[in-house]
Amino acid sequence: MKHYPFLNLAEQATQSEMTKIYPEAFKAFIHAGIENDIINPELAKMDLDKLAKQ
C-alpha cells in the first residue's frame, strides 16, 4: 500500500472507515494534484463533495 503523506491522511483504513474518510481523501488528492500541476485546476470548480459520493 502506498502512503501519501502530503495528503495528511491515515495510512491504513478499514472498509467502514474508508466510507467516512474517502470524501476528504478525494478532495485532498484533487487539491494536491492541482498544486503539483498534474491535475487541471478546472476540476476544483466542480462539486467535489458530490463527485466523492459517486
PDB file of N, CA and C in Angstrom:
ATOM      1  N   MET A   1       0.846  -1.182   0.000  1.00  0.00           N
ATOM      2  CA  MET A   1       0.000   0.000   0.000  1.00  0.00           C
ATOM      3  C   MET A   1       0.887   1.240   0.000  1.00  0.00           C
ATOM      4  N   LYS A   2       0.610   2.150  -0.906  1.00  0.00           N
ATOM      5  CA  LYS A   2       1.369   3.394  -0.938  1.00  0.00           C
ATOM      6  C   LYS A   2       0.817   4.360   0.092  1.00  0.00           C
ATOM      7  N   HIS A   3       1.691   5.193   0.595  1.00  0.00           N
ATOM      8  CA  HIS A   3       1.303   6.211   1.569  1.00  0.00           C
ATOM      9  C   HIS A   3       1.642   7.566   0.979  1.00  0.00           C
ATOM     10  N   TYR A   4       0.715   8.476   1.050  1.00  0.00           N
ATOM     11  CA  TYR A   4       0.904   9.810   0.500  1.00  0.00           C
ATOM     12  C   TYR A   4       0.837  10.827   1.629  1.00  0.00           C
ATOM     13  N   PRO A   5       1.970  11.095   2.288  1.00  0.00           N
ATOM     14  CA  PRO A   5       1.958  11.983   3.456  1.00  0.00           C
ATOM     15  C   PRO A   5       1.484  13.397   3.142  1.00  0.00           C
ATOM     16  N   PHE A   6       1.645  13.850   1.895  1.00  0.00           N
ATOM     17  CA  PHE A   6       1.214  15.204   1.563  1.00  0.00           C
ATOM     18  C   PHE A   6      -0.306  15.357   1.620  1.00  0.00           C
ATOM     19  N   LEU A   7      -1.038  14.233   1.659  1.00  0.00           N
ATOM     20  CA  LEU A   7      -2.494  14.303   1.787  1.00  0.00           C
ATOM     21  C   LEU A   7      -2.929  14.439   3.240  1.00  0.00           C
ATOM     22  N   ASN A   8      -2.003  14.191   4.168  1.00  0.00           N
ATOM     23  CA  ASN A   8      -2.290  14.299   5.595  1.00  0.00           C
ATOM     24  C   ASN A   8      -3.464  13.409   6.003  1.00  0.00           C
ATOM     25  N   LEU A   9      -3.418  12.145   5.554  1.00  0.00           N
ATOM     26  CA  LEU A   9      -4.482  11.188   5.842  1.00  0.00           C
ATOM     27  C   LEU A   9      -3.895   9.936   6.474  1.00  0.00           C
ATOM     28  N   ALA A  10      -4.755   9.138   7.056  1.00  0.00           N
ATOM     29  CA  ALA A  10      -4.321   7.888   7.668  1.00  0.00           C
ATOM     30  C   ALA A  10      -3.684   6.978   6.619  1.00  0.00           C
ATOM     31  N   GLU A  11      -2.689   6.224   7.040  1.00  0.00           N
ATOM     32  CA  GLU A  11      -2.005   5.321   6.121  1.00  0.00           C
ATOM     33  C   GLU A  11      -2.863   4.106   5.799  1.00  0.00           C
ATOM     34  N   GLN A  12      -3.633   3.653   6.765  1.00  0.00           N
ATOM     35  CA  GLN A  12      -4.485   2.491   6.562  1.00  0.00           C
ATOM     36  C   GLN A  12      -5.874   2.785   7.101  1.00  0.00           C
ATOM     37  N   ALA A  13      -6.865   2.122   6.518  1.00  0.00           N
ATOM     38  CA  ALA A  13      -8.239   2.283   6.981  1.00  0.00           C
ATOM     39  C   ALA A  13      -9.028   1.031   6.627  1.00  0.00           C
ATOM     40  N   THR A  14      -9.975   0.687   7.482  1.00  0.00           N
ATOM     41  CA  THR A  14     -10.868  -0.429   7.186  1.00  0.00           C
ATOM     42  C   THR A  14     -11.901   0.035   6.164  1.00  0.00           C
ATOM     43  N   GLN A  15     -12.663  -0.909   5.634  1.00  0.00           N
ATOM     44  CA  GLN A  15     -13.701  -0.563   4.662  1.00  0.00           C
ATOM     45  C   GLN A  15     -14.703   0.422   5.258  1.00  0.00           C
ATOM     46  N   SER A  16     -15.126   0.192   6.488  1.00  0.00           N
ATOM     47  CA  SER A  16     -16.099   1.106   7.106  1.00  0.00           C
ATOM     48  C   SER A  16     -15.484   2.478   7.371  1.00  0.00           C
ATOM     49  N   GLU A  17     -14.206   2.518   7.710  1.00  0.00           N
ATOM     50  CA  GLU A  17     -13.534   3.804   7.905  1.00  0.00           C
ATOM     51  C   GLU A  17     -13.398   4.553   6.579  1.00  0.00           C
ATOM     52  N   MET A  18     -13.133   3.817   5.504  1.00  0.00           N
ATOM     53  CA  MET A  18     -12.992   4.451   4.193  1.00  0.00           C
ATOM     54  C   MET A  18     -14.278   5.135   3.757  1.00  0.00           C
ATOM     55  N   THR A  19     -15.405   4.560   4.105  1.00  0.00           N
ATOM     56  CA  THR A  19     -16.681   5.184   3.768  1.00  0.00           C
ATOM     57  C   THR A  19     -16.751   6.587   4.342  1.00  0.00           C
ATOM     58  N   LYS A  20     -16.179   6.762   5.511  1.00  0.00           N
ATOM     59  CA  LYS A  20     -16.214   8.066   6.175  1.00  0.00           C
ATOM     60  C   LYS A  20     -15.116   9.002   5.676  1.00  0.00           C
ATOM     61  N   ILE A  21     -13.927   8.474   5.420  1.00  0.00           N
ATOM     62  CA  ILE A  21     -12.806   9.360   5.087  1.00  0.00           C
ATOM     63  C   ILE A  21     -12.598   9.570   3.589  1.00  0.00           C
ATOM     64  N   TYR A  22     -13.211   8.741   2.745  1.00  0.00           N
ATOM     65  CA  TYR A  22     -12.980   8.867   1.310  1.00  0.00           C
ATOM     66  C   TYR A  22     -13.305  10.257   0.766  1.00  0.00           C
ATOM     67  N   PRO A  23     -14.435  10.866   1.131  1.00  0.00           N
ATOM     68  CA  PRO A  23     -14.711  12.202   0.579  1.00  0.00           C
ATOM     69  C   PRO A  23     -13.596  13.212   0.861  1.00  0.00           C
ATOM     70  N   GLU A  24     -13.055  13.204   2.061  1.00  0.00           N
ATOM     71  CA  GLU A  24     -11.963  14.126   2.386  1.00  0.00           C
ATOM     72  C   GLU A  24     -10.682  13.728   1.661  1.00  0.00           C
ATOM     73  N   ALA A  25     -10.428  12.425   1.563  1.00  0.00           N
ATOM     74  CA  ALA A  25      -9.234  11.953   0.857  1.00  0.00           C
ATOM     75  C   ALA A  25      -9.308  12.331  -0.621  1.00  0.00           C
ATOM     76  N   PHE A  26     -10.473  12.181  -1.213  1.00  0.00           N
ATOM     77  CA  PHE A  26     -10.667  12.531  -2.621  1.00  0.00           C
ATOM     78  C   PHE A  26     -10.376  14.005  -2.858  1.00  0.00           C
ATOM     79  N   LYS A  27     -10.954  14.864  -2.023  1.00  0.00           N
ATOM     80  CA  LYS A  27     -10.742  16.305  -2.179  1.00  0.00           C
ATOM     81  C   LYS A  27      -9.278  16.677  -1.945  1.00  0.00           C
ATOM     82  N   ALA A  28      -8.645  16.064  -0.954  1.00  0.00           N
ATOM     83  CA  ALA A  28      -7.233  16.346  -0.677  1.00  0.00           C
ATOM     84  C   ALA A  28      -6.365  15.933  -1.862  1.00  0.00           C
ATOM     85  N   PHE A  29      -6.683  14.789  -2.463  1.00  0.00           N
ATOM     86  CA  PHE A  29      -5.924  14.312  -3.611  1.00  0.00           C
ATOM     87  C   PHE A  29      -6.079  15.263  -4.795  1.00  0.00           C
ATOM     88  N   ILE A  30      -7.292  15.708  -5.052  1.00  0.00           N
ATOM     89  CA  ILE A  30      -7.536  16.636  -6.158  1.00  0.00           C
ATOM     90  C   ILE A  30      -6.753  17.930  -5.943  1.00  0.00           C
ATOM     91  N   HIS A  31      -6.848  18.501  -4.753  1.00  0.00           N
ATOM     92  CA  HIS A  31      -6.152  19.761  -4.480  1.00  0.00           C
ATOM     93  C   HIS A  31      -4.629  19.591  -4.519  1.00  0.00           C
ATOM     94  N   ALA A  32      -4.122  18.467  -4.028  1.00  0.00           N
ATOM     95  CA  ALA A  32      -2.678  18.216  -4.092  1.00  0.00           C
ATOM     96  C   ALA A  32      -2.234  18.069  -5.545  1.00  0.00           C
ATOM     97  N   GLY A  33      -3.050  17.414  -6.353  1.00  0.00           N
ATOM     98  CA  GLY A  33      -2.725  17.273  -7.771  1.00  0.00           C
ATOM     99  C   GLY A  33      -2.694  18.609  -8.488  1.00  0.00           C
ATOM    100  N   ILE A  34      -3.612  19.483  -8.133  1.00  0.00           N
ATOM    101  CA  ILE A  34      -3.634  20.827  -8.719  1.00  0.00           C
ATOM    102  C   ILE A  34      -2.386  21.595  -8.302  1.00  0.00           C
ATOM    103  N   GLU A  35      -2.049  21.530  -7.014  1.00  0.00           N
ATOM    104  CA  GLU A  35      -0.864  22.240  -6.508  1.00  0.00           C
ATOM    105  C   GLU A  35       0.422  21.738  -7.158  1.00  0.00           C
ATOM    106  N   ASN A  36       0.439  20.461  -7.534  1.00  0.00           N
ATOM    107  CA  ASN A  36       1.632  19.872  -8.153  1.00  0.00           C
ATOM    108  C   ASN A  36       1.560  19.864  -9.680  1.00  0.00           C
ATOM    109  N   ASP A  37       0.610  20.594 -10.218  1.00  0.00           N
ATOM    110  CA  ASP A  37       0.454  20.743 -11.674  1.00  0.00           C
ATOM    111  C   ASP A  37       0.268  19.427 -12.417  1.00  0.00           C
ATOM    112  N   ILE A  38      -0.435  18.476 -11.805  1.00  0.00           N
ATOM    113  CA  ILE A  38      -0.731  17.226 -12.508  1.00  0.00           C
ATOM    114  C   ILE A  38      -2.233  17.044 -12.742  1.00  0.00           C
ATOM    115  N   ILE A  39      -3.033  17.928 -12.172  1.00  0.00           N
ATOM    116  CA  ILE A  39      -4.482  17.911 -12.379  1.00  0.00           C
ATOM    117  C   ILE A  39      -4.904  19.313 -12.796  1.00  0.00           C
ATOM    118  N   ASN A  40      -5.784  19.374 -13.771  1.00  0.00           N
ATOM    119  CA  ASN A  40      -6.284  20.646 -14.275  1.00  0.00           C
ATOM    120  C   ASN A  40      -7.053  21.387 -13.180  1.00  0.00           C
ATOM    121  N   PRO A  41      -6.718  22.639 -12.903  1.00  0.00           N
ATOM    122  CA  PRO A  41      -7.405  23.419 -11.868  1.00  0.00           C
ATOM    123  C   PRO A  41      -8.909  23.575 -12.101  1.00  0.00           C
ATOM    124  N   GLU A  42      -9.356  23.382 -13.325  1.00  0.00           N
ATOM    125  CA  GLU A  42     -10.792  23.469 -13.617  1.00  0.00           C
ATOM    126  C   GLU A  42     -11.580  22.431 -12.817  1.00  0.00           C
ATOM    127  N   LEU A  43     -10.945  21.320 -12.473  1.00  0.00           N
ATOM    128  CA  LEU A  43     -11.634  20.275 -11.713  1.00  0.00           C
ATOM    129  C   LEU A  43     -12.093  20.786 -10.355  1.00  0.00           C
ATOM    130  N   ALA A  44     -11.357  21.713  -9.768  1.00  0.00           N
ATOM    131  CA  ALA A  44     -11.717  22.258  -8.454  1.00  0.00           C
ATOM    132  C   ALA A  44     -13.017  23.056  -8.507  1.00  0.00           C
ATOM    133  N   LYS A  45     -13.437  23.455  -9.700  1.00  0.00           N
ATOM    134  CA  LYS A  45     -14.690  24.199  -9.843  1.00  0.00           C
ATOM    135  C   LYS A  45     -15.912  23.284  -9.778  1.00  0.00           C
ATOM    136  N   MET A  46     -15.690  21.993  -9.898  1.00  0.00           N
ATOM    137  CA  MET A  46     -16.790  21.030  -9.852  1.00  0.00           C
ATOM    138  C   MET A  46     -17.191  20.772  -8.403  1.00  0.00           C
ATOM    139  N   ASP A  47     -18.321  20.149  -8.224  1.00  0.00           N
ATOM    140  CA  ASP A  47     -18.814  19.804  -6.891  1.00  0.00           C
ATOM    141  C   ASP A  47     -18.068  18.552  -6.409  1.00  0.00           C
ATOM    142  N   LEU A  48     -16.936  18.763  -5.744  1.00  0.00           N
ATOM    143  CA  LEU A  48     -16.096  17.639  -5.316  1.00  0.00           C
ATOM    144  C   LEU A  48     -16.788  16.778  -4.272  1.00  0.00           C
ATOM    145  N   ASP A  49     -17.629  17.375  -3.444  1.00  0.00           N
ATOM    146  CA  ASP A  49     -18.375  16.580  -2.463  1.00  0.00           C
ATOM    147  C   ASP A  49     -19.293  15.589  -3.177  1.00  0.00           C
ATOM    148  N   LYS A  50     -19.968  16.055  -4.200  1.00  0.00           N
ATOM    149  CA  LYS A  50     -20.866  15.181  -4.961  1.00  0.00           C
ATOM    150  C   LYS A  50     -20.071  14.107  -5.698  1.00  0.00           C
ATOM    151  N   LEU A  51     -18.959  14.489  -6.318  1.00  0.00           N
ATOM    152  CA  LEU A  51     -18.134  13.514  -7.027  1.00  0.00           C
ATOM    153  C   LEU A  51     -17.595  12.440  -6.087  1.00  0.00           C
ATOM    154  N   ALA A  52     -17.248  12.818  -4.881  1.00  0.00           N
ATOM    155  CA  ALA A  52     -16.695  11.863  -3.914  1.00  0.00           C
ATOM    156  C   ALA A  52     -17.732  10.851  -3.458  1.00  0.00           C
ATOM    157  N   LYS A  53     -18.998  11.172  -3.604  1.00  0.00           N
ATOM    158  CA  LYS A  53     -20.073  10.259  -3.187  1.00  0.00           C
ATOM    159  C   LYS A  53     -20.503   9.325  -4.307  1.00  0.00           C
ATOM    160  N   GLN A  54     -20.018   9.535  -5.514  1.00  0.00           N
ATOM    161  CA  GLN A  54     -20.425   8.729  -6.669  1.00  0.00           C
ATOM    162  C   GLN A  54     -19.789   7.370  -6.645  1.00  0.00           C
TER     163      GLN A  54
END
